[in-house]
Amino acid sequence: MGVRRYVNTDFWGDPWILELEPKEKLVFLYLLTNDKSNMLGAFELSLKVAEFELGIPEDELELIFQKFTNEGKIIYEDRFLVIINWVRHQSFNKNMLKNAVQTYDKLKPEQQNKIPECIKSKFESLIDNI
């Protein structure tokens, strides 16, 4: 059985989402819910796999990922993706937070370095409050 990912119904009313083209909405929803996503919002993702799963050619995905990067929504470098606001939109219980920290700890150092300080500081504040 797959891992469950929940998407807030406010997703569709988000001003940024409203301005996206249909394929772009699909790609962003895919980033939030694909089987490689995790509680950290940072994971390895091959464009070839995304192309296969979405049915969108790799060259189009590259353009969409570049748009998302330029608009500050993701970081995508060397097949490693970080969803910038992932943590902000999650409600973590103790186990979920523990999972996110374990996921971070398992990342390669070069992947950990790609995670912005705003995400790291959010986790630190969550840990402090538990």
N, C-alpha and C. Protein backbone atom coordinates (compact mmCIF):
# COMPACT_ATOMS: atom_id res chain seq x y z
N MET A 1 0.85 -1.18 0.00
CA MET A 1 0.00 0.00 0.00
C MET A 1 0.89 1.23 0.00
N GLY A 2 0.53 2.24 -0.78
CA GLY A 2 1.31 3.47 -0.90
C GLY A 2 1.16 4.37 0.32
N VAL A 3 2.07 5.30 0.42
CA VAL A 3 2.04 6.31 1.46
C VAL A 3 0.98 7.33 1.09
N ARG A 4 0.26 7.81 2.06
CA ARG A 4 -0.78 8.80 1.78
C ARG A 4 -0.21 10.21 1.88
N ARG A 5 -0.56 11.02 0.91
CA ARG A 5 -0.23 12.44 0.92
C ARG A 5 -1.54 13.18 0.79
N TYR A 6 -1.73 14.15 1.64
CA TYR A 6 -2.95 14.94 1.61
C TYR A 6 -2.65 16.32 1.04
N VAL A 7 -3.54 16.79 0.22
CA VAL A 7 -3.41 18.12 -0.36
C VAL A 7 -4.57 18.95 0.17
N ASN A 8 -4.23 20.07 0.75
CA ASN A 8 -5.25 20.97 1.28
C ASN A 8 -6.13 21.46 0.13
N THR A 9 -7.41 21.53 0.37
CA THR A 9 -8.33 21.98 -0.68
C THR A 9 -8.07 23.44 -1.05
N ASP A 10 -7.38 24.18 -0.20
CA ASP A 10 -7.00 25.55 -0.54
C ASP A 10 -6.00 25.60 -1.69
N PHE A 11 -5.40 24.46 -2.00
CA PHE A 11 -4.43 24.38 -3.10
C PHE A 11 -4.98 25.04 -4.36
N TRP A 12 -6.20 24.69 -4.71
CA TRP A 12 -6.77 25.15 -5.98
C TRP A 12 -7.08 26.64 -5.98
N GLY A 13 -7.23 27.24 -4.82
CA GLY A 13 -7.51 28.67 -4.74
C GLY A 13 -6.28 29.52 -4.51
N ASP A 14 -5.12 28.90 -4.37
CA ASP A 14 -3.88 29.64 -4.17
C ASP A 14 -3.64 30.54 -5.38
N PRO A 15 -3.37 31.83 -5.15
CA PRO A 15 -3.19 32.76 -6.29
C PRO A 15 -2.12 32.31 -7.29
N TRP A 16 -1.04 31.72 -6.81
CA TRP A 16 0.00 31.26 -7.72
C TRP A 16 -0.51 30.09 -8.57
N ILE A 17 -1.19 29.14 -7.94
CA ILE A 17 -1.74 27.98 -8.67
C ILE A 17 -2.77 28.45 -9.70
N LEU A 18 -3.59 29.41 -9.34
CA LEU A 18 -4.61 29.91 -10.27
C LEU A 18 -4.01 30.43 -11.57
N GLU A 19 -2.81 30.95 -11.52
CA GLU A 19 -2.18 31.53 -12.70
C GLU A 19 -1.44 30.51 -13.57
N LEU A 20 -1.29 29.29 -13.07
CA LEU A 20 -0.56 28.27 -13.83
C LEU A 20 -1.39 27.71 -14.98
N GLU A 21 -0.68 27.25 -16.00
CA GLU A 21 -1.31 26.51 -17.09
C GLU A 21 -1.69 25.12 -16.56
N PRO A 22 -2.66 24.43 -17.19
CA PRO A 22 -3.08 23.11 -16.71
C PRO A 22 -1.93 22.12 -16.51
N LYS A 23 -1.00 22.03 -17.46
CA LYS A 23 0.13 21.10 -17.30
C LYS A 23 0.98 21.48 -16.09
N GLU A 24 1.14 22.77 -15.87
CA GLU A 24 1.95 23.23 -14.73
C GLU A 24 1.28 22.87 -13.41
N LYS A 25 -0.04 22.99 -13.35
CA LYS A 25 -0.77 22.58 -12.15
C LYS A 25 -0.58 21.09 -11.89
N LEU A 26 -0.68 20.30 -12.95
CA LEU A 26 -0.49 18.86 -12.83
C LEU A 26 0.91 18.54 -12.32
N VAL A 27 1.92 19.20 -12.87
CA VAL A 27 3.30 18.94 -12.46
C VAL A 27 3.49 19.31 -10.99
N PHE A 28 2.98 20.45 -10.56
CA PHE A 28 3.18 20.84 -9.17
C PHE A 28 2.45 19.88 -8.22
N LEU A 29 1.25 19.48 -8.58
CA LEU A 29 0.52 18.50 -7.78
C LEU A 29 1.28 17.18 -7.74
N TYR A 30 1.88 16.80 -8.85
CA TYR A 30 2.71 15.60 -8.92
C TYR A 30 3.90 15.71 -7.96
N LEU A 31 4.55 16.87 -7.93
CA LEU A 31 5.69 17.05 -7.02
C LEU A 31 5.27 16.86 -5.57
N LEU A 32 4.08 17.29 -5.24
CA LEU A 32 3.58 17.15 -3.86
C LEU A 32 3.19 15.73 -3.50
N THR A 33 2.80 14.94 -4.50
CA THR A 33 2.17 13.65 -4.19
C THR A 33 2.85 12.42 -4.80
N ASN A 34 3.93 12.58 -5.54
CA ASN A 34 4.54 11.41 -6.18
C ASN A 34 5.13 10.47 -5.14
N ASP A 35 5.44 9.26 -5.55
CA ASP A 35 5.88 8.24 -4.59
C ASP A 35 7.30 8.45 -4.07
N LYS A 36 7.99 9.45 -4.57
CA LYS A 36 9.31 9.77 -4.05
C LYS A 36 9.26 10.90 -3.02
N SER A 37 8.12 11.60 -2.95
CA SER A 37 8.00 12.71 -2.00
C SER A 37 8.08 12.17 -0.57
N ASN A 38 8.44 13.04 0.34
CA ASN A 38 8.62 12.62 1.72
C ASN A 38 8.26 13.76 2.66
N MET A 39 8.40 13.54 3.94
CA MET A 39 8.01 14.54 4.93
C MET A 39 8.93 15.75 4.95
N LEU A 40 10.05 15.66 4.28
CA LEU A 40 10.98 16.77 4.19
C LEU A 40 10.69 17.66 2.97
N GLY A 41 10.03 17.08 1.96
CA GLY A 41 9.80 17.82 0.72
C GLY A 41 11.05 17.95 -0.11
N ALA A 42 11.99 17.02 0.08
CA ALA A 42 13.26 17.03 -0.64
C ALA A 42 13.59 15.60 -1.04
N PHE A 43 13.76 15.37 -2.33
CA PHE A 43 13.95 14.00 -2.80
C PHE A 43 14.58 13.98 -4.18
N GLU A 44 15.17 12.83 -4.51
CA GLU A 44 15.72 12.64 -5.84
C GLU A 44 14.57 12.39 -6.82
N LEU A 45 14.67 13.01 -7.99
CA LEU A 45 13.64 12.85 -9.00
C LEU A 45 14.27 12.94 -10.38
N SER A 46 14.13 11.89 -11.14
CA SER A 46 14.60 11.85 -12.51
C SER A 46 13.52 12.41 -13.42
N LEU A 47 13.91 13.27 -14.33
CA LEU A 47 12.95 13.80 -15.30
C LEU A 47 12.42 12.70 -16.20
N LYS A 48 13.22 11.68 -16.44
CA LYS A 48 12.76 10.53 -17.25
C LYS A 48 11.58 9.84 -16.56
N VAL A 49 11.69 9.65 -15.24
CA VAL A 49 10.61 9.01 -14.49
C VAL A 49 9.38 9.91 -14.50
N ALA A 50 9.59 11.20 -14.26
CA ALA A 50 8.46 12.14 -14.27
C ALA A 50 7.80 12.16 -15.64
N GLU A 51 8.61 12.12 -16.68
CA GLU A 51 8.06 12.08 -18.04
C GLU A 51 7.17 10.86 -18.24
N PHE A 52 7.65 9.72 -17.79
CA PHE A 52 6.88 8.48 -17.92
C PHE A 52 5.58 8.55 -17.11
N GLU A 53 5.68 9.01 -15.87
CA GLU A 53 4.51 9.02 -14.99
C GLU A 53 3.48 10.08 -15.37
N LEU A 54 3.95 11.21 -15.90
CA LEU A 54 3.03 12.30 -16.23
C LEU A 54 2.59 12.31 -17.70
N GLY A 55 3.40 11.68 -18.56
CA GLY A 55 3.10 11.74 -19.99
C GLY A 55 3.42 13.10 -20.58
N ILE A 56 4.31 13.84 -19.94
CA ILE A 56 4.74 15.15 -20.43
C ILE A 56 6.19 15.01 -20.86
N PRO A 57 6.52 15.41 -22.09
CA PRO A 57 7.90 15.27 -22.57
C PRO A 57 8.92 15.96 -21.65
N GLU A 58 10.10 15.36 -21.59
CA GLU A 58 11.17 15.85 -20.70
C GLU A 58 11.51 17.32 -20.97
N ASP A 59 11.54 17.73 -22.23
CA ASP A 59 11.89 19.12 -22.54
C ASP A 59 10.84 20.09 -21.98
N GLU A 60 9.57 19.70 -21.99
CA GLU A 60 8.52 20.53 -21.39
C GLU A 60 8.67 20.57 -19.87
N LEU A 61 9.00 19.41 -19.28
CA LEU A 61 9.21 19.37 -17.83
C LEU A 61 10.36 20.28 -17.41
N GLU A 62 11.43 20.27 -18.21
CA GLU A 62 12.57 21.14 -17.90
C GLU A 62 12.13 22.60 -17.86
N LEU A 63 11.31 23.01 -18.82
CA LEU A 63 10.82 24.39 -18.85
C LEU A 63 9.93 24.70 -17.65
N ILE A 64 9.08 23.76 -17.30
CA ILE A 64 8.19 23.96 -16.15
C ILE A 64 9.00 24.02 -14.86
N PHE A 65 9.97 23.12 -14.70
CA PHE A 65 10.82 23.14 -13.51
C PHE A 65 11.59 24.45 -13.44
N GLN A 66 12.05 24.94 -14.59
CA GLN A 66 12.78 26.22 -14.60
C GLN A 66 11.86 27.36 -14.16
N LYS A 67 10.61 27.33 -14.62
CA LYS A 67 9.65 28.36 -14.21
C LYS A 67 9.44 28.29 -12.69
N PHE A 68 9.22 27.09 -12.17
CA PHE A 68 9.01 26.92 -10.72
C PHE A 68 10.23 27.39 -9.93
N THR A 69 11.42 27.13 -10.47
CA THR A 69 12.66 27.57 -9.83
C THR A 69 12.74 29.09 -9.84
N ASN A 70 12.49 29.68 -11.00
CA ASN A 70 12.56 31.14 -11.12
C ASN A 70 11.56 31.84 -10.21
N GLU A 71 10.44 31.19 -9.94
CA GLU A 71 9.40 31.79 -9.09
C GLU A 71 9.57 31.41 -7.62
N GLY A 72 10.67 30.73 -7.30
CA GLY A 72 10.99 30.44 -5.90
C GLY A 72 10.16 29.33 -5.27
N LYS A 73 9.62 28.45 -6.07
CA LYS A 73 8.78 27.37 -5.55
C LYS A 73 9.55 26.07 -5.33
N ILE A 74 10.59 25.85 -6.14
CA ILE A 74 11.40 24.63 -6.00
C ILE A 74 12.87 24.97 -6.22
N ILE A 75 13.70 24.03 -5.81
CA ILE A 75 15.09 23.97 -6.22
C ILE A 75 15.22 22.62 -6.91
N TYR A 76 15.80 22.62 -8.10
CA TYR A 76 16.02 21.35 -8.80
C TYR A 76 17.41 21.38 -9.41
N GLU A 77 18.31 20.61 -8.81
CA GLU A 77 19.69 20.54 -9.27
C GLU A 77 20.18 19.10 -9.16
N ASP A 78 20.83 18.63 -10.19
CA ASP A 78 21.44 17.30 -10.18
C ASP A 78 20.46 16.21 -9.75
N ARG A 79 19.25 16.28 -10.32
CA ARG A 79 18.20 15.27 -10.05
C ARG A 79 17.73 15.29 -8.60
N PHE A 80 17.96 16.38 -7.88
CA PHE A 80 17.51 16.51 -6.49
C PHE A 80 16.57 17.70 -6.42
N LEU A 81 15.38 17.46 -5.87
CA LEU A 81 14.33 18.48 -5.84
C LEU A 81 13.99 18.85 -4.40
N VAL A 82 13.82 20.14 -4.17
CA VAL A 82 13.37 20.65 -2.88
C VAL A 82 12.15 21.52 -3.13
N ILE A 83 11.05 21.21 -2.46
CA ILE A 83 9.86 22.05 -2.53
C ILE A 83 9.99 23.09 -1.42
N ILE A 84 10.16 24.34 -1.80
CA ILE A 84 10.52 25.40 -0.86
C ILE A 84 9.50 25.56 0.27
N ASN A 85 8.23 25.60 -0.02
CA ASN A 85 7.23 25.85 1.03
C ASN A 85 6.59 24.59 1.59
N TRP A 86 7.18 23.45 1.32
CA TRP A 86 6.62 22.18 1.78
C TRP A 86 6.35 22.20 3.29
N VAL A 87 7.34 22.56 4.04
CA VAL A 87 7.25 22.51 5.50
C VAL A 87 6.19 23.47 6.01
N ARG A 88 6.09 24.64 5.38
CA ARG A 88 5.13 25.65 5.82
C ARG A 88 3.69 25.16 5.73
N HIS A 89 3.42 24.25 4.82
CA HIS A 89 2.06 23.79 4.59
C HIS A 89 1.74 22.45 5.24
N GLN A 90 2.63 21.98 6.11
CA GLN A 90 2.41 20.69 6.76
C GLN A 90 2.06 20.89 8.24
N SER A 91 1.25 19.99 8.74
CA SER A 91 0.97 19.92 10.17
C SER A 91 1.66 18.65 10.67
N PHE A 92 2.74 18.84 11.39
CA PHE A 92 3.55 17.71 11.82
C PHE A 92 3.16 17.23 13.20
N ASN A 93 2.94 15.92 13.33
CA ASN A 93 2.89 15.35 14.66
C ASN A 93 4.31 14.88 14.98
N LYS A 94 4.51 14.34 16.16
CA LYS A 94 5.86 13.95 16.59
C LYS A 94 6.48 12.92 15.64
N ASN A 95 5.71 11.93 15.21
CA ASN A 95 6.25 10.89 14.33
C ASN A 95 6.59 11.44 12.94
N MET A 96 5.78 12.34 12.44
CA MET A 96 6.04 12.93 11.13
C MET A 96 7.31 13.78 11.17
N LEU A 97 7.46 14.52 12.25
CA LEU A 97 8.66 15.34 12.40
C LEU A 97 9.90 14.47 12.52
N LYS A 98 9.78 13.40 13.28
CA LYS A 98 10.89 12.46 13.43
C LYS A 98 11.27 11.89 12.06
N ASN A 99 10.27 11.53 11.25
CA ASN A 99 10.52 11.01 9.92
C ASN A 99 11.23 12.04 9.05
N ALA A 100 10.81 13.29 9.12
CA ALA A 100 11.45 14.34 8.33
C ALA A 100 12.91 14.52 8.72
N VAL A 101 13.19 14.50 10.01
CA VAL A 101 14.57 14.65 10.50
C VAL A 101 15.41 13.46 10.06
N GLN A 102 14.85 12.25 10.16
CA GLN A 102 15.57 11.05 9.71
C GLN A 102 15.85 11.11 8.21
N THR A 103 14.89 11.60 7.45
CA THR A 103 15.07 11.74 6.01
C THR A 103 16.21 12.71 5.73
N TYR A 104 16.24 13.82 6.44
CA TYR A 104 17.33 14.80 6.27
C TYR A 104 18.67 14.16 6.60
N ASP A 105 18.71 13.44 7.71
CA ASP A 105 19.97 12.82 8.15
C ASP A 105 20.50 11.80 7.14
N LYS A 106 19.61 11.19 6.35
CA LYS A 106 20.02 10.19 5.36
C LYS A 106 20.47 10.80 4.03
N LEU A 107 20.25 12.09 3.86
CA LEU A 107 20.67 12.75 2.62
C LEU A 107 22.19 12.83 2.54
N LYS A 108 22.68 12.84 1.32
CA LYS A 108 24.10 13.06 1.10
C LYS A 108 24.42 14.51 1.51
N PRO A 109 25.64 14.77 1.97
CA PRO A 109 25.99 16.14 2.37
C PRO A 109 25.70 17.19 1.30
N GLU A 110 25.98 16.86 0.03
CA GLU A 110 25.72 17.83 -1.03
C GLU A 110 24.22 18.10 -1.21
N GLN A 111 23.37 17.11 -0.87
CA GLN A 111 21.93 17.32 -0.91
C GLN A 111 21.48 18.16 0.29
N GLN A 112 22.03 17.88 1.45
CA GLN A 112 21.70 18.68 2.64
C GLN A 112 22.03 20.15 2.40
N ASN A 113 23.13 20.40 1.69
CA ASN A 113 23.54 21.78 1.42
C ASN A 113 22.58 22.52 0.49
N LYS A 114 21.76 21.79 -0.25
CA LYS A 114 20.80 22.42 -1.16
C LYS A 114 19.51 22.82 -0.47
N ILE A 115 19.34 22.38 0.75
CA ILE A 115 18.12 22.71 1.49
C ILE A 115 18.31 24.09 2.13
N PRO A 116 17.46 25.05 1.78
CA PRO A 116 17.62 26.41 2.28
C PRO A 116 17.50 26.51 3.81
N GLU A 117 18.14 27.52 4.35
CA GLU A 117 18.10 27.75 5.79
C GLU A 117 16.68 27.96 6.30
N CYS A 118 15.80 28.54 5.48
CA CYS A 118 14.42 28.77 5.93
C CYS A 118 13.73 27.45 6.27
N ILE A 119 14.05 26.38 5.55
CA ILE A 119 13.47 25.07 5.82
C ILE A 119 14.11 24.48 7.07
N LYS A 120 15.42 24.56 7.15
CA LYS A 120 16.13 24.02 8.32
C LYS A 120 15.67 24.72 9.59
N SER A 121 15.51 26.03 9.55
CA SER A 121 15.10 26.76 10.76
C SER A 121 13.66 26.43 11.15
N LYS A 122 12.81 26.16 10.16
CA LYS A 122 11.43 25.75 10.47
C LYS A 122 11.43 24.44 11.24
N PHE A 123 12.26 23.49 10.81
CA PHE A 123 12.35 22.21 11.52
C PHE A 123 12.91 22.41 12.93
N GLU A 124 13.90 23.27 13.06
CA GLU A 124 14.45 23.52 14.38
C GLU A 124 13.40 24.08 15.33
N SER A 125 12.56 24.99 14.83
CA SER A 125 11.51 25.55 15.69
C SER A 125 10.45 24.50 16.01
N LEU A 126 10.14 23.62 15.07
CA LEU A 126 9.18 22.56 15.34
C LEU A 126 9.73 21.59 16.40
N ILE A 127 11.00 21.25 16.27
CA ILE A 127 11.63 20.34 17.24
C ILE A 127 11.62 20.96 18.64
N ASP A 128 11.90 22.25 18.70
CA ASP A 128 11.92 22.95 19.98
C ASP A 128 10.55 22.95 20.66
N ASN A 129 9.49 22.90 19.85
CA ASN A 129 8.13 22.97 20.41
C ASN A 129 7.56 21.60 20.79
N ILE A 130 8.31 20.54 20.54
CA ILE A 130 7.81 19.19 20.90
C ILE A 130 8.40 18.76 22.21
